[in-house]
Amino acid sequence: MNRLPFQVRQIDHVVLRVRDAAAMEAFYCGVLGCRVERRRQDIGLLQLRAGASLIDLVDVAGKLGAMGGAAPGVEGRNMDHLCLQVEPFDLEAILVHLRSHGVRIGEFGSRYGAEGQGPSQYLLDPEGNTIELKGPPAA
């Protein structure tokens, strides 16, 4: 077996192609607590800080977005889901917060993640992408 010249440390960023960049910015910043890191309006890119990682929003009508073809829709999605590790994980407080913002809420369950099995809540962003809020592993 060949030895790799590197090791993967963490996810650096995720890129979402979006139809309504303003609604997505409002959701990721206002509901999930990300913050704007950088705007590149010339190419239709908005980079949001999510802890140690970035979530890039690429407007399908912008220069970068147009290179990706048709906008995501009912017939095809950008990705399966994006998982954000959150702390603390207080399910009731999370649900109250999400409902107060009119967020579509999915299933709760115990799921396996980077740090092991633990609580997990699914929800949908304004464009129908599934987001998983993942708590710490169960004791």
Protein backbone atom coordinates (compact mmCIF):
# COMPACT_ATOMS: atom_id res chain seq x y z
CA MET A 1 0.00 0.00 0.00
CA ASN A 2 1.35 3.41 -0.95
CA ARG A 3 1.85 5.95 1.79
CA LEU A 4 0.04 9.23 1.17
CA PRO A 5 2.05 12.46 1.30
CA PHE A 6 -0.71 14.09 3.38
CA GLN A 7 -3.46 13.44 5.93
CA VAL A 8 -6.96 14.88 5.79
CA ARG A 9 -7.55 17.03 8.89
CA GLN A 10 -11.09 18.36 8.50
CA ILE A 11 -13.58 19.66 5.97
CA ASP A 12 -12.35 23.07 4.82
CA HIS A 13 -15.48 24.25 3.01
CA VAL A 14 -18.69 23.14 1.33
CA VAL A 15 -20.05 24.89 -1.76
CA LEU A 16 -23.79 25.23 -2.37
CA ARG A 17 -25.16 26.45 -5.69
CA VAL A 18 -28.18 28.61 -4.79
CA ARG A 19 -31.09 30.35 -6.51
CA ASP A 20 -31.77 33.01 -3.83
CA ALA A 21 -28.48 34.07 -2.23
CA ALA A 22 -30.13 36.68 0.02
CA ALA A 23 -32.57 34.16 1.55
CA MET A 24 -29.78 31.64 2.02
CA GLU A 25 -27.53 34.24 3.68
CA ALA A 26 -30.37 35.22 6.02
CA PHE A 27 -30.93 31.56 6.94
CA TYR A 28 -27.31 30.52 7.47
CA CYS A 29 -26.43 33.71 9.38
CA GLY A 30 -29.70 34.53 11.15
CA VAL A 31 -30.84 31.00 12.00
CA LEU A 32 -27.63 28.94 12.18
CA GLY A 33 -25.27 31.65 13.43
CA CYS A 34 -22.74 31.71 10.59
CA ARG A 35 -21.17 35.05 9.71
CA VAL A 36 -20.16 36.62 6.43
CA GLU A 37 -16.45 36.14 5.85
CA ARG A 38 -16.04 37.40 2.29
CA ARG A 39 -18.14 38.61 -0.64
CA ARG A 40 -17.09 38.33 -4.28
CA GLN A 41 -20.04 39.88 -6.09
CA ASP A 42 -18.05 39.96 -9.33
CA ILE A 43 -18.24 36.15 -9.52
CA GLY A 44 -21.40 35.54 -7.44
CA LEU A 45 -19.69 34.06 -4.35
CA LEU A 46 -20.54 34.58 -0.68
CA GLN A 47 -18.35 32.84 1.90
CA LEU A 48 -19.78 32.23 5.36
CA ARG A 49 -17.75 31.29 8.43
CA ALA A 50 -19.10 28.15 10.15
CA GLY A 51 -16.77 27.52 13.09
CA ALA A 52 -13.42 26.39 11.66
CA SER A 53 -14.97 25.80 8.22
CA LEU A 54 -16.61 27.79 5.44
CA ILE A 55 -19.93 27.41 3.65
CA ASP A 56 -19.70 28.98 0.21
CA LEU A 57 -22.91 30.15 -1.46
CA VAL A 58 -22.59 30.39 -5.24
CA ASP A 59 -25.43 32.22 -7.00
CA VAL A 60 -26.51 30.15 -10.02
CA ALA A 61 -27.02 33.42 -11.92
CA GLY A 62 -23.43 34.55 -11.26
CA LYS A 63 -20.23 33.80 -13.15
CA LEU A 64 -19.28 30.74 -11.04
CA GLY A 65 -22.84 29.45 -10.77
CA ALA A 66 -23.48 29.56 -14.50
CA MET A 67 -20.54 27.18 -14.98
CA GLY A 68 -22.43 24.50 -13.01
CA GLY A 69 -25.41 24.19 -15.34
CA ALA A 70 -29.05 24.27 -14.30
CA ALA A 71 -30.10 25.41 -10.84
CA PRO A 72 -30.83 22.72 -8.26
CA GLY A 73 -34.50 21.83 -8.08
CA VAL A 74 -37.01 19.04 -7.56
CA GLU A 75 -35.30 16.88 -10.18
CA GLY A 76 -31.82 17.20 -8.65
CA ARG A 77 -30.14 18.50 -5.51
CA ASN A 78 -26.75 20.05 -4.76
CA MET A 79 -25.88 17.39 -2.17
CA ASP A 80 -27.43 14.83 0.15
CA HIS A 81 -26.92 16.86 3.34
CA LEU A 82 -24.57 19.13 5.25
CA CYS A 83 -23.79 18.26 8.88
CA LEU A 84 -22.89 21.01 11.34
CA GLN A 85 -21.56 20.01 14.75
CA VAL A 86 -23.20 22.21 17.40
CA GLU A 87 -22.80 22.71 21.12
CA PRO A 88 -24.49 22.64 23.44
CA PHE A 89 -27.06 20.23 22.03
CA ASP A 90 -30.31 21.07 23.83
CA LEU A 91 -32.96 19.56 21.56
CA GLU A 92 -35.90 21.49 22.99
CA ALA A 93 -34.08 24.83 22.74
CA ILE A 94 -32.99 23.98 19.18
CA LEU A 95 -36.55 23.11 18.14
CA VAL A 96 -38.00 26.27 19.71
CA HIS A 97 -35.39 28.35 17.87
CA LEU A 98 -35.98 26.64 14.52
CA ARG A 99 -39.79 26.91 14.83
CA SER A 100 -39.52 30.61 15.71
CA HIS A 101 -37.84 31.11 12.32
CA GLY A 102 -40.37 28.99 10.42
CA VAL A 103 -37.74 26.37 9.56
CA ARG A 104 -38.95 23.06 8.12
CA ILE A 105 -37.93 20.46 10.70
CA GLY A 106 -37.06 16.86 9.86
CA GLU A 107 -36.32 13.75 11.89
CA PHE A 108 -34.47 13.61 15.19
CA GLY A 109 -32.34 10.56 15.93
CA SER A 110 -29.08 9.17 17.18
CA ARG A 111 -26.62 9.06 14.29
CA TYR A 112 -22.96 8.33 13.80
CA GLY A 113 -20.64 11.25 13.02
CA ALA A 114 -16.97 12.21 13.12
CA GLU A 115 -16.83 11.91 16.91
CA GLY A 116 -19.13 8.90 17.30
CA GLN A 117 -22.81 8.15 17.92
CA GLY A 118 -24.86 11.04 19.23
CA PRO A 119 -27.98 13.22 18.92
CA SER A 120 -28.85 14.60 15.51
CA GLN A 121 -31.62 16.86 14.20
CA TYR A 122 -32.43 17.24 10.52
CA LEU A 123 -33.89 20.45 9.04
CA LEU A 124 -34.23 22.07 5.62
CA ASP A 125 -32.76 25.35 4.44
CA PRO A 126 -34.85 27.74 2.29
CA GLU A 127 -33.88 25.92 -0.93
CA GLY A 128 -34.64 22.42 0.39
CA ASN A 129 -31.09 21.32 1.26
CA THR A 130 -31.02 18.98 4.26
CA ILE A 131 -28.96 20.24 7.19
CA GLU A 132 -28.03 18.02 10.13
CA LEU A 133 -27.29 19.61 13.50
CA LYS A 134 -25.07 17.10 15.31
CA GLY A 135 -24.42 16.99 19.03
CA PRO A 136 -21.52 15.43 20.92
CA PRO A 137 -21.25 11.66 21.21
CA ALA A 138 -23.43 9.99 23.81
CA ALA A 139 -21.63 9.11 27.06
